[in-house]
PDB file of N, CA and C in Angstrom:
ATOM      1  N   MET A   1     -15.521  -7.202  14.419  1.00  0.00           N
ATOM      2  CA  MET A   1     -16.699  -7.887  13.905  1.00  0.00           C
ATOM      3  C   MET A   1     -16.498  -9.397  14.121  1.00  0.00           C
ATOM      4  N   SER A   2     -17.454 -10.032  14.771  1.00  0.00           N
ATOM      5  CA  SER A   2     -17.370 -11.469  15.025  1.00  0.00           C
ATOM      6  C   SER A   2     -17.632 -12.250  13.746  1.00  0.00           C
ATOM      7  N   ASP A   3     -17.302 -13.538  13.766  1.00  0.00           N
ATOM      8  CA  ASP A   3     -17.536 -14.382  12.588  1.00  0.00           C
ATOM      9  C   ASP A   3     -19.013 -14.400  12.202  1.00  0.00           C
ATOM     10  N   ASP A   4     -19.898 -14.481  13.215  1.00  0.00           N
ATOM     11  CA  ASP A   4     -21.331 -14.482  12.929  1.00  0.00           C
ATOM     12  C   ASP A   4     -21.763 -13.165  12.282  1.00  0.00           C
ATOM     13  N   GLU A   5     -21.211 -12.050  12.775  1.00  0.00           N
ATOM     14  CA  GLU A   5     -21.533 -10.753  12.195  1.00  0.00           C
ATOM     15  C   GLU A   5     -21.035 -10.665  10.745  1.00  0.00           C
ATOM     16  N   VAL A   6     -19.865 -11.226  10.497  1.00  0.00           N
ATOM     17  CA  VAL A   6     -19.307 -11.226   9.136  1.00  0.00           C
ATOM     18  C   VAL A   6     -20.258 -11.975   8.205  1.00  0.00           C
ATOM     19  N   HIS A   7     -20.732 -13.133   8.639  1.00  0.00           N
ATOM     20  CA  HIS A   7     -21.642 -13.927   7.803  1.00  0.00           C
ATOM     21  C   HIS A   7     -22.953 -13.186   7.559  1.00  0.00           C
ATOM     22  N   THR A   8     -23.476 -12.529   8.591  1.00  0.00           N
ATOM     23  CA  THR A   8     -24.719 -11.767   8.443  1.00  0.00           C
ATOM     24  C   THR A   8     -24.524 -10.601   7.485  1.00  0.00           C
ATOM     25  N   GLU A   9     -23.457  -9.822   7.700  1.00  0.00           N
ATOM     26  CA  GLU A   9     -23.212  -8.649   6.854  1.00  0.00           C
ATOM     27  C   GLU A   9     -22.900  -9.054   5.415  1.00  0.00           C
ATOM     28  N   PHE A  10     -22.169 -10.148   5.251  1.00  0.00           N
ATOM     29  CA  PHE A  10     -21.867 -10.651   3.912  1.00  0.00           C
ATOM     30  C   PHE A  10     -23.164 -11.039   3.202  1.00  0.00           C
ATOM     31  N   GLY A  11     -24.053 -11.704   3.935  1.00  0.00           N
ATOM     32  CA  GLY A  11     -25.341 -12.107   3.373  1.00  0.00           C
ATOM     33  C   GLY A  11     -26.195 -10.918   2.970  1.00  0.00           C
ATOM     34  N   GLU A  12     -26.045  -9.802   3.681  1.00  0.00           N
ATOM     35  CA  GLU A  12     -26.788  -8.586   3.341  1.00  0.00           C
ATOM     36  C   GLU A  12     -26.124  -7.854   2.178  1.00  0.00           C
ATOM     37  N   ALA A  13     -24.799  -7.838   2.148  1.00  0.00           N
ATOM     38  CA  ALA A  13     -24.067  -7.115   1.096  1.00  0.00           C
ATOM     39  C   ALA A  13     -24.153  -7.843  -0.245  1.00  0.00           C
ATOM     40  N   VAL A  14     -24.058  -9.158  -0.215  1.00  0.00           N
ATOM     41  CA  VAL A  14     -24.093  -9.946  -1.446  1.00  0.00           C
ATOM     42  C   VAL A  14     -25.538 -10.350  -1.692  1.00  0.00           C
ATOM     43  N   ASN A  15     -26.196  -9.645  -2.606  1.00  0.00           N
ATOM     44  CA  ASN A  15     -27.608  -9.921  -2.866  1.00  0.00           C
ATOM     45  C   ASN A  15     -27.823 -10.683  -4.173  1.00  0.00           C
ATOM     46  N   MET A  16     -26.736 -11.177  -4.750  1.00  0.00           N
ATOM     47  CA  MET A  16     -26.845 -12.005  -5.963  1.00  0.00           C
ATOM     48  C   MET A  16     -26.566 -13.450  -5.570  1.00  0.00           C
ATOM     49  N   THR A  17     -27.245 -14.377  -6.231  1.00  0.00           N
ATOM     50  CA  THR A  17     -26.985 -15.792  -5.980  1.00  0.00           C
ATOM     51  C   THR A  17     -25.694 -16.188  -6.688  1.00  0.00           C
ATOM     52  N   ALA A  18     -25.164 -17.337  -6.326  1.00  0.00           N
ATOM     53  CA  ALA A  18     -23.957 -17.830  -6.989  1.00  0.00           C
ATOM     54  C   ALA A  18     -24.183 -17.958  -8.492  1.00  0.00           C
ATOM     55  N   GLY A  19     -25.358 -18.447  -8.894  1.00  0.00           N
ATOM     56  CA  GLY A  19     -25.680 -18.597 -10.315  1.00  0.00           C
ATOM     57  C   GLY A  19     -25.778 -17.268 -11.039  1.00  0.00           C
ATOM     58  N   GLU A  20     -26.442 -16.282 -10.401  1.00  0.00           N
ATOM     59  CA  GLU A  20     -26.559 -14.957 -11.005  1.00  0.00           C
ATOM     60  C   GLU A  20     -25.181 -14.312 -11.178  1.00  0.00           C
ATOM     61  N   LEU A  21     -24.355 -14.420 -10.150  1.00  0.00           N
ATOM     62  CA  LEU A  21     -23.030 -13.818 -10.189  1.00  0.00           C
ATOM     63  C   LEU A  21     -22.152 -14.511 -11.231  1.00  0.00           C
ATOM     64  N   GLU A  22     -22.213 -15.824 -11.275  1.00  0.00           N
ATOM     65  CA  GLU A  22     -21.427 -16.576 -12.253  1.00  0.00           C
ATOM     66  C   GLU A  22     -21.804 -16.185 -13.682  1.00  0.00           C
ATOM     67  N   LYS A  23     -23.102 -16.041 -13.932  1.00  0.00           N
ATOM     68  CA  LYS A  23     -23.570 -15.635 -15.257  1.00  0.00           C
ATOM     69  C   LYS A  23     -23.102 -14.217 -15.572  1.00  0.00           C
ATOM     70  N   TRP A  24     -23.213 -13.308 -14.610  1.00  0.00           N
ATOM     71  CA  TRP A  24     -22.780 -11.931 -14.775  1.00  0.00           C
ATOM     72  C   TRP A  24     -21.286 -11.847 -15.117  1.00  0.00           C
ATOM     73  N   LEU A  25     -20.468 -12.644 -14.420  1.00  0.00           N
ATOM     74  CA  LEU A  25     -19.021 -12.578 -14.602  1.00  0.00           C
ATOM     75  C   LEU A  25     -18.585 -12.978 -16.014  1.00  0.00           C
ATOM     76  N   LYS A  26     -19.460 -13.619 -16.768  1.00  0.00           N
ATOM     77  CA  LYS A  26     -19.142 -14.028 -18.139  1.00  0.00           C
ATOM     78  C   LYS A  26     -19.401 -12.909 -19.156  1.00  0.00           C
ATOM     79  N   THR A  27     -19.987 -11.796 -18.717  1.00  0.00           N
ATOM     80  CA  THR A  27     -20.345 -10.716 -19.653  1.00  0.00           C
ATOM     81  C   THR A  27     -19.157  -9.793 -19.902  1.00  0.00           C
ATOM     82  N   ASP A  28     -19.201  -9.116 -21.046  1.00  0.00           N
ATOM     83  CA  ASP A  28     -18.163  -8.117 -21.376  1.00  0.00           C
ATOM     84  C   ASP A  28     -18.185  -6.967 -20.366  1.00  0.00           C
ATOM     85  N   GLU A  29     -19.400  -6.551 -19.958  1.00  0.00           N
ATOM     86  CA  GLU A  29     -19.526  -5.443 -18.998  1.00  0.00           C
ATOM     87  C   GLU A  29     -18.808  -5.782 -17.689  1.00  0.00           C
ATOM     88  N   SER A  30     -18.937  -7.018 -17.267  1.00  0.00           N
ATOM     89  CA  SER A  30     -18.283  -7.440 -16.044  1.00  0.00           C
ATOM     90  C   SER A  30     -16.758  -7.417 -16.191  1.00  0.00           C
ATOM     91  N   ARG A  31     -16.284  -7.937 -17.293  1.00  0.00           N
ATOM     92  CA  ARG A  31     -14.830  -8.001 -17.517  1.00  0.00           C
ATOM     93  C   ARG A  31     -14.200  -6.619 -17.655  1.00  0.00           C
ATOM     94  N   GLU A  32     -14.973  -5.651 -18.171  1.00  0.00           N
ATOM     95  CA  GLU A  32     -14.433  -4.314 -18.426  1.00  0.00           C
ATOM     96  C   GLU A  32     -14.466  -3.402 -17.200  1.00  0.00           C
ATOM     97  N   ALA A  33     -15.334  -3.686 -16.228  1.00  0.00           N
ATOM     98  CA  ALA A  33     -15.495  -2.819 -15.052  1.00  0.00           C
ATOM     99  C   ALA A  33     -14.351  -3.010 -14.052  1.00  0.00           C
ATOM    100  N   GLY A  34     -14.043  -1.943 -13.350  1.00  0.00           N
ATOM    101  CA  GLY A  34     -13.099  -2.038 -12.247  1.00  0.00           C
ATOM    102  C   GLY A  34     -11.662  -1.764 -12.624  1.00  0.00           C
ATOM    103  N   GLN A  35     -10.800  -1.863 -11.614  1.00  0.00           N
ATOM    104  CA  GLN A  35      -9.374  -1.627 -11.782  1.00  0.00           C
ATOM    105  C   GLN A  35      -8.698  -2.922 -12.215  1.00  0.00           C
ATOM    106  N   HIS A  36      -7.960  -2.834 -13.322  1.00  0.00           N
ATOM    107  CA  HIS A  36      -7.286  -4.015 -13.853  1.00  0.00           C
ATOM    108  C   HIS A  36      -5.816  -4.026 -13.453  1.00  0.00           C
ATOM    109  N   LYS A  37      -5.363  -5.197 -13.021  1.00  0.00           N
ATOM    110  CA  LYS A  37      -3.965  -5.354 -12.638  1.00  0.00           C
ATOM    111  C   LYS A  37      -3.143  -5.662 -13.896  1.00  0.00           C
ATOM    112  N   ASP A  38      -2.242  -4.782 -14.260  1.00  0.00           N
ATOM    113  CA  ASP A  38      -1.343  -4.999 -15.397  1.00  0.00           C
ATOM    114  C   ASP A  38      -2.089  -5.436 -16.656  1.00  0.00           C
ATOM    115  N   GLY A  39      -3.272  -4.864 -16.883  1.00  0.00           N
ATOM    116  CA  GLY A  39      -4.031  -5.184 -18.078  1.00  0.00           C
ATOM    117  C   GLY A  39      -4.765  -6.516 -18.022  1.00  0.00           C
ATOM    118  N   GLY A  40      -4.663  -7.225 -16.905  1.00  0.00           N
ATOM    119  CA  GLY A  40      -5.321  -8.518 -16.763  1.00  0.00           C
ATOM    120  C   GLY A  40      -6.703  -8.388 -16.138  1.00  0.00           C
ATOM    121  N   GLU A  41      -7.066  -9.393 -15.367  1.00  0.00           N
ATOM    122  CA  GLU A  41      -8.376  -9.425 -14.724  1.00  0.00           C
ATOM    123  C   GLU A  41      -8.495  -8.337 -13.665  1.00  0.00           C
ATOM    124  N   SER A  42      -9.671  -7.716 -13.587  1.00  0.00           N
ATOM    125  CA  SER A  42      -9.874  -6.674 -12.579  1.00  0.00           C
ATOM    126  C   SER A  42      -9.968  -7.299 -11.182  1.00  0.00           C
ATOM    127  N   VAL A  43      -9.680  -6.476 -10.195  1.00  0.00           N
ATOM    128  CA  VAL A  43      -9.757  -6.905  -8.798  1.00  0.00           C
ATOM    129  C   VAL A  43     -11.172  -7.387  -8.475  1.00  0.00           C
ATOM    130  N   GLY A  44     -12.174  -6.627  -8.927  1.00  0.00           N
ATOM    131  CA  GLY A  44     -13.569  -6.999  -8.648  1.00  0.00           C
ATOM    132  C   GLY A  44     -13.982  -8.291  -9.327  1.00  0.00           C
ATOM    133  N   HIS A  45     -13.519  -8.499 -10.557  1.00  0.00           N
ATOM    134  CA  HIS A  45     -13.871  -9.719 -11.286  1.00  0.00           C
ATOM    135  C   HIS A  45     -13.276 -10.940 -10.567  1.00  0.00           C
ATOM    136  N   GLU A  46     -12.040 -10.804 -10.142  1.00  0.00           N
ATOM    137  CA  GLU A  46     -11.396 -11.881  -9.383  1.00  0.00           C
ATOM    138  C   GLU A  46     -12.147 -12.130  -8.081  1.00  0.00           C
ATOM    139  N   SER A  47     -12.555 -11.051  -7.417  1.00  0.00           N
ATOM    140  CA  SER A  47     -13.323 -11.168  -6.182  1.00  0.00           C
ATOM    141  C   SER A  47     -14.645 -11.885  -6.439  1.00  0.00           C
ATOM    142  N   GLY A  48     -15.300 -11.548  -7.552  1.00  0.00           N
ATOM    143  CA  GLY A  48     -16.579 -12.194  -7.885  1.00  0.00           C
ATOM    144  C   GLY A  48     -16.447 -13.699  -8.009  1.00  0.00           C
ATOM    145  N   ARG A  49     -15.368 -14.152  -8.647  1.00  0.00           N
ATOM    146  CA  ARG A  49     -15.151 -15.602  -8.771  1.00  0.00           C
ATOM    147  C   ARG A  49     -14.982 -16.225  -7.391  1.00  0.00           C
ATOM    148  N   ARG A  50     -14.290 -15.527  -6.518  1.00  0.00           N
ATOM    149  CA  ARG A  50     -14.079 -16.020  -5.151  1.00  0.00           C
ATOM    150  C   ARG A  50     -15.396 -16.052  -4.376  1.00  0.00           C
ATOM    151  N   ILE A  51     -16.230 -15.029  -4.585  1.00  0.00           N
ATOM    152  CA  ILE A  51     -17.534 -14.969  -3.914  1.00  0.00           C
ATOM    153  C   ILE A  51     -18.411 -16.137  -4.346  1.00  0.00           C
ATOM    154  N   VAL A  52     -18.394 -16.495  -5.623  1.00  0.00           N
ATOM    155  CA  VAL A  52     -19.168 -17.648  -6.099  1.00  0.00           C
ATOM    156  C   VAL A  52     -18.762 -18.892  -5.310  1.00  0.00           C
ATOM    157  N   THR A  53     -17.469 -19.090  -5.145  1.00  0.00           N
ATOM    158  CA  THR A  53     -16.972 -20.244  -4.390  1.00  0.00           C
ATOM    159  C   THR A  53     -17.444 -20.194  -2.942  1.00  0.00           C
ATOM    160  N   ILE A  54     -17.349 -19.004  -2.318  1.00  0.00           N
ATOM    161  CA  ILE A  54     -17.784 -18.840  -0.928  1.00  0.00           C
ATOM    162  C   ILE A  54     -19.278 -19.144  -0.790  1.00  0.00           C
ATOM    163  N   LEU A  55     -20.081 -18.631  -1.727  1.00  0.00           N
ATOM    164  CA  LEU A  55     -21.536 -18.876  -1.668  1.00  0.00           C
ATOM    165  C   LEU A  55     -21.877 -20.354  -1.791  1.00  0.00           C
ATOM    166  N   ARG A  56     -21.033 -21.095  -2.463  1.00  0.00           N
ATOM    167  CA  ARG A  56     -21.293 -22.526  -2.670  1.00  0.00           C
ATOM    168  C   ARG A  56     -20.626 -23.407  -1.610  1.00  0.00           C
ATOM    169  N   THR A  57     -19.989 -22.786  -0.628  1.00  0.00           N
ATOM    170  CA  THR A  57     -19.317 -23.519   0.440  1.00  0.00           C
ATOM    171  C   THR A  57     -20.158 -23.464   1.705  1.00  0.00           C
ATOM    172  N   LYS A  58     -20.256 -24.606   2.382  1.00  0.00           N
ATOM    173  CA  LYS A  58     -20.995 -24.642   3.651  1.00  0.00           C
ATOM    174  C   LYS A  58     -20.279 -23.761   4.663  1.00  0.00           C
ATOM    175  N   LYS A  59     -21.050 -23.083   5.492  1.00  0.00           N
ATOM    176  CA  LYS A  59     -20.497 -22.153   6.479  1.00  0.00           C
ATOM    177  C   LYS A  59     -19.408 -22.810   7.332  1.00  0.00           C
ATOM    178  N   ALA A  60     -19.638 -24.020   7.763  1.00  0.00           N
ATOM    179  CA  ALA A  60     -18.677 -24.718   8.618  1.00  0.00           C
ATOM    180  C   ALA A  60     -17.367 -25.040   7.894  1.00  0.00           C
ATOM    181  N   GLU A  61     -17.388 -25.007   6.570  1.00  0.00           N
ATOM    182  CA  GLU A  61     -16.202 -25.354   5.791  1.00  0.00           C
ATOM    183  C   GLU A  61     -15.427 -24.138   5.294  1.00  0.00           C
ATOM    184  N   LEU A  62     -15.886 -22.940   5.646  1.00  0.00           N
ATOM    185  CA  LEU A  62     -15.187 -21.729   5.229  1.00  0.00           C
ATOM    186  C   LEU A  62     -13.904 -21.555   6.028  1.00  0.00           C
ATOM    187  N   SER A  63     -12.846 -21.149   5.351  1.00  0.00           N
ATOM    188  CA  SER A  63     -11.550 -20.954   6.000  1.00  0.00           C
ATOM    189  C   SER A  63     -11.429 -19.524   6.537  1.00  0.00           C
ATOM    190  N   GLU A  64     -10.372 -19.285   7.301  1.00  0.00           N
ATOM    191  CA  GLU A  64     -10.109 -17.924   7.787  1.00  0.00           C
ATOM    192  C   GLU A  64      -9.874 -16.996   6.601  1.00  0.00           C
ATOM    193  N   LYS A  65      -9.223 -17.515   5.557  1.00  0.00           N
ATOM    194  CA  LYS A  65      -8.967 -16.729   4.349  1.00  0.00           C
ATOM    195  C   LYS A  65     -10.293 -16.336   3.676  1.00  0.00           C
ATOM    196  N   ASP A  66     -11.243 -17.286   3.650  1.00  0.00           N
ATOM    197  CA  ASP A  66     -12.570 -16.989   3.105  1.00  0.00           C
ATOM    198  C   ASP A  66     -13.239 -15.878   3.913  1.00  0.00           C
ATOM    199  N   GLU A  67     -13.161 -15.971   5.227  1.00  0.00           N
ATOM    200  CA  GLU A  67     -13.807 -14.986   6.085  1.00  0.00           C
ATOM    201  C   GLU A  67     -13.142 -13.616   5.964  1.00  0.00           C
ATOM    202  N   ARG A  68     -11.824 -13.576   5.741  1.00  0.00           N
ATOM    203  CA  ARG A  68     -11.147 -12.297   5.496  1.00  0.00           C
ATOM    204  C   ARG A  68     -11.668 -11.681   4.197  1.00  0.00           C
ATOM    205  N   HIS A  69     -11.867 -12.532   3.189  1.00  0.00           N
ATOM    206  CA  HIS A  69     -12.390 -12.013   1.922  1.00  0.00           C
ATOM    207  C   HIS A  69     -13.834 -11.525   2.109  1.00  0.00           C
ATOM    208  N   MET A  70     -14.610 -12.221   2.897  1.00  0.00           N
ATOM    209  CA  MET A  70     -15.982 -11.802   3.167  1.00  0.00           C
ATOM    210  C   MET A  70     -15.993 -10.408   3.814  1.00  0.00           C
ATOM    211  N   ARG A  71     -15.065 -10.162   4.747  1.00  0.00           N
ATOM    212  CA  ARG A  71     -14.945  -8.840   5.380  1.00  0.00           C
ATOM    213  C   ARG A  71     -14.597  -7.777   4.330  1.00  0.00           C
ATOM    214  N   LYS A  72     -13.692  -8.125   3.423  1.00  0.00           N
ATOM    215  CA  LYS A  72     -13.285  -7.216   2.357  1.00  0.00           C
ATOM    216  C   LYS A  72     -14.476  -6.873   1.460  1.00  0.00           C
ATOM    217  N   VAL A  73     -15.298  -7.877   1.145  1.00  0.00           N
ATOM    218  CA  VAL A  73     -16.475  -7.667   0.304  1.00  0.00           C
ATOM    219  C   VAL A  73     -17.457  -6.722   0.996  1.00  0.00           C
ATOM    220  N   VAL A  74     -17.708  -6.958   2.268  1.00  0.00           N
ATOM    221  CA  VAL A  74     -18.629  -6.097   3.026  1.00  0.00           C
ATOM    222  C   VAL A  74     -18.139  -4.650   3.009  1.00  0.00           C
ATOM    223  N   GLY A  75     -16.860  -4.458   3.266  1.00  0.00           N
ATOM    224  CA  GLY A  75     -16.284  -3.117   3.268  1.00  0.00           C
ATOM    225  C   GLY A  75     -16.394  -2.454   1.907  1.00  0.00           C
ATOM    226  N   TYR A  76     -16.076  -3.192   0.856  1.00  0.00           N
ATOM    227  CA  TYR A  76     -16.146  -2.631  -0.490  1.00  0.00           C
ATOM    228  C   TYR A  76     -17.570  -2.208  -0.846  1.00  0.00           C
ATOM    229  N   VAL A  77     -18.515  -3.115  -0.614  1.00  0.00           N
ATOM    230  CA  VAL A  77     -19.913  -2.823  -0.967  1.00  0.00           C
ATOM    231  C   VAL A  77     -20.410  -1.592  -0.208  1.00  0.00           C
ATOM    232  N   HIS A  78     -20.117  -1.516   1.094  1.00  0.00           N
ATOM    233  CA  HIS A  78     -20.564  -0.365   1.881  1.00  0.00           C
ATOM    234  C   HIS A  78     -19.936   0.934   1.372  1.00  0.00           C
ATOM    235  N   ARG A  79     -18.626   0.924   1.092  1.00  0.00           N
ATOM    236  CA  ARG A  79     -17.951   2.133   0.594  1.00  0.00           C
ATOM    237  C   ARG A  79     -18.493   2.535  -0.769  1.00  0.00           C
ATOM    238  N   HIS A  80     -18.672   1.567  -1.641  1.00  0.00           N
ATOM    239  CA  HIS A  80     -19.117   1.853  -3.006  1.00  0.00           C
ATOM    240  C   HIS A  80     -20.561   2.370  -3.034  1.00  0.00           C
ATOM    241  N   LEU A  81     -21.421   1.809  -2.201  1.00  0.00           N
ATOM    242  CA  LEU A  81     -22.810   2.276  -2.142  1.00  0.00           C
ATOM    243  C   LEU A  81     -22.882   3.731  -1.699  1.00  0.00           C
ATOM    244  N   ALA A  82     -21.941   4.146  -0.826  1.00  0.00           N
ATOM    245  CA  ALA A  82     -21.917   5.524  -0.354  1.00  0.00           C
ATOM    246  C   ALA A  82     -21.549   6.505  -1.470  1.00  0.00           C
ATOM    247  N   GLN A  83     -21.004   5.994  -2.572  1.00  0.00           N
ATOM    248  CA  GLN A  83     -20.580   6.838  -3.692  1.00  0.00           C
ATOM    249  C   GLN A  83     -21.591   6.782  -4.848  1.00  0.00           C
ATOM    250  N   ARG A  84     -22.810   6.391  -4.557  1.00  0.00           N
ATOM    251  CA  ARG A  84     -23.828   6.242  -5.607  1.00  0.00           C
ATOM    252  C   ARG A  84     -23.988   7.530  -6.415  1.00  0.00           C
ATOM    253  N   PRO A  85     -23.885   7.423  -7.741  1.00  0.00           N
ATOM    254  CA  PRO A  85     -24.086   8.610  -8.570  1.00  0.00           C
ATOM    255  C   PRO A  85     -25.570   8.952  -8.638  1.00  0.00           C
ATOM    256  N   SER A  86     -25.862  10.184  -9.027  1.00  0.00           N
ATOM    257  CA  SER A  86     -27.267  10.575  -9.158  1.00  0.00           C
ATOM    258  C   SER A  86     -27.831  10.018 -10.461  1.00  0.00           C
ATOM    259  N   GLY A  87     -29.137   9.934 -10.529  1.00  0.00           N
ATOM    260  CA  GLY A  87     -29.805   9.490 -11.745  1.00  0.00           C
ATOM    261  C   GLY A  87     -29.901   7.979 -11.854  1.00  0.00           C
ATOM    262  N   ASP A  88     -30.227   7.534 -13.039  1.00  0.00           N
ATOM    263  CA  ASP A  88     -30.405   6.109 -13.333  1.00  0.00           C
ATOM    264  C   ASP A  88     -29.047   5.424 -13.347  1.00  0.00           C
ATOM    265  N   VAL A  89     -28.885   4.392 -12.538  1.00  0.00           N
ATOM    266  CA  VAL A  89     -27.582   3.716 -12.434  1.00  0.00           C
ATOM    267  C   VAL A  89     -27.546   2.385 -13.188  1.00  0.00           C
ATOM    268  N   GLU A  90     -28.649   2.024 -13.856  1.00  0.00           N
ATOM    269  CA  GLU A  90     -28.744   0.682 -14.448  1.00  0.00           C
ATOM    270  C   GLU A  90     -27.582   0.326 -15.378  1.00  0.00           C
ATOM    271  N   ASP A  91     -27.216   1.228 -16.279  1.00  0.00           N
ATOM    272  CA  ASP A  91     -26.161   0.925 -17.246  1.00  0.00           C
ATOM    273  C   ASP A  91     -24.890   1.718 -16.949  1.00  0.00           C
ATOM    274  N   THR A  92     -24.434   1.665 -15.698  1.00  0.00           N
ATOM    275  CA  THR A  92     -23.241   2.427 -15.298  1.00  0.00           C
ATOM    276  C   THR A  92     -22.120   1.504 -14.854  1.00  0.00           C
ATOM    277  N   THR A  93     -20.906   1.984 -15.024  1.00  0.00           N
ATOM    278  CA  THR A  93     -19.742   1.254 -14.544  1.00  0.00           C
ATOM    279  C   THR A  93     -19.822   1.094 -13.032  1.00  0.00           C
ATOM    280  N   TRP A  94     -20.407   2.083 -12.343  1.00  0.00           N
ATOM    281  CA  TRP A  94     -20.570   2.017 -10.883  1.00  0.00           C
ATOM    282  C   TRP A  94     -21.350   0.755 -10.504  1.00  0.00           C
ATOM    283  N   ARG A  95     -22.483   0.525 -11.188  1.00  0.00           N
ATOM    284  CA  ARG A  95     -23.292  -0.664 -10.908  1.00  0.00           C
ATOM    285  C   ARG A  95     -22.526  -1.933 -11.293  1.00  0.00           C
ATOM    286  N   TYR A  96     -21.894  -1.921 -12.447  1.00  0.00           N
ATOM    287  CA  TYR A  96     -21.189  -3.115 -12.925  1.00  0.00           C
ATOM    288  C   TYR A  96     -20.066  -3.512 -11.955  1.00  0.00           C
ATOM    289  N   SER A  97     -19.385  -2.512 -11.428  1.00  0.00           N
ATOM    290  CA  SER A  97     -18.321  -2.790 -10.469  1.00  0.00           C
ATOM    291  C   SER A  97     -18.896  -3.439  -9.201  1.00  0.00           C
ATOM    292  N   LEU A  98     -20.007  -2.890  -8.712  1.00  0.00           N
ATOM    293  CA  LEU A  98     -20.657  -3.485  -7.528  1.00  0.00           C
ATOM    294  C   LEU A  98     -21.122  -4.909  -7.809  1.00  0.00           C
ATOM    295  N   MET A  99     -21.641  -5.129  -9.000  1.00  0.00           N
ATOM    296  CA  MET A  99     -22.118  -6.473  -9.338  1.00  0.00           C
ATOM    297  C   MET A  99     -20.970  -7.476  -9.362  1.00  0.00           C
ATOM    298  N   ASN A 100     -19.771  -7.040  -9.758  1.00  0.00           N
ATOM    299  CA  ASN A 100     -18.617  -7.934  -9.709  1.00  0.00           C
ATOM    300  C   ASN A 100     -18.337  -8.375  -8.277  1.00  0.00           C
ATOM    301  N   TRP A 101     -18.737  -7.559  -7.316  1.00  0.00           N
ATOM    302  CA  TRP A 101     -18.550  -7.873  -5.907  1.00  0.00           C
ATOM    303  C   TRP A 101     -19.810  -8.513  -5.300  1.00  0.00           C
ATOM    304  N   GLY A 102     -20.753  -8.920  -6.166  1.00  0.00           N
ATOM    305  CA  GLY A 102     -21.913  -9.674  -5.709  1.00  0.00           C
ATOM    306  C   GLY A 102     -23.117  -8.864  -5.281  1.00  0.00           C
ATOM    307  N   HIS A 103     -23.074  -7.542  -5.513  1.00  0.00           N
ATOM    308  CA  HIS A 103     -24.195  -6.691  -5.089  1.00  0.00           C
ATOM    309  C   HIS A 103     -24.779  -5.979  -6.307  1.00  0.00           C
ATOM    310  N   ASP A 104     -26.066  -6.223  -6.560  1.00  0.00           N
ATOM    311  CA  ASP A 104     -26.752  -5.511  -7.632  1.00  0.00           C
ATOM    312  C   ASP A 104     -27.629  -4.446  -6.993  1.00  0.00           C
ATOM    313  N   PRO A 105     -27.254  -3.153  -7.114  1.00  0.00           N
ATOM    314  CA  PRO A 105     -28.031  -2.088  -6.482  1.00  0.00           C
ATOM    315  C   PRO A 105     -29.411  -1.889  -7.117  1.00  0.00           C
ATOM    316  N   CYS A 106     -29.664  -2.519  -8.241  1.00  0.00           N
ATOM    317  CA  CYS A 106     -30.975  -2.402  -8.899  1.00  0.00           C
ATOM    318  C   CYS A 106     -31.933  -3.522  -8.475  1.00  0.00           C
ATOM    319  N   LYS A 107     -31.512  -4.360  -7.572  1.00  0.00           N
ATOM    320  CA  LYS A 107     -32.390  -5.435  -7.081  1.00  0.00           C
ATOM    321  C   LYS A 107     -33.297  -4.909  -5.997  1.00  0.00           C
TER     322      LYS A 107
END
């Protein structure tokens, strides 16, 4: 995947604004969702904070490390969407986990 493709796919996968994501990350639901490392912050919550920074950074100023994380986000969102549970997903850990990665499936 080329850098331009990464930016396009990231823009499609991350459908929350930096402000929306930042607000979401402050909620209890956000902090509780996902896999937690040694009882600390979840992988997705940490990723969400990184995504906020990426969204607020000009494309020309993104580092290779940022672009690697963008690829990781695209992969996660695509894999997680494929595991969508049946029924209403609004108040599910599945949705909350995706939102930590910048994607709200209810949008």
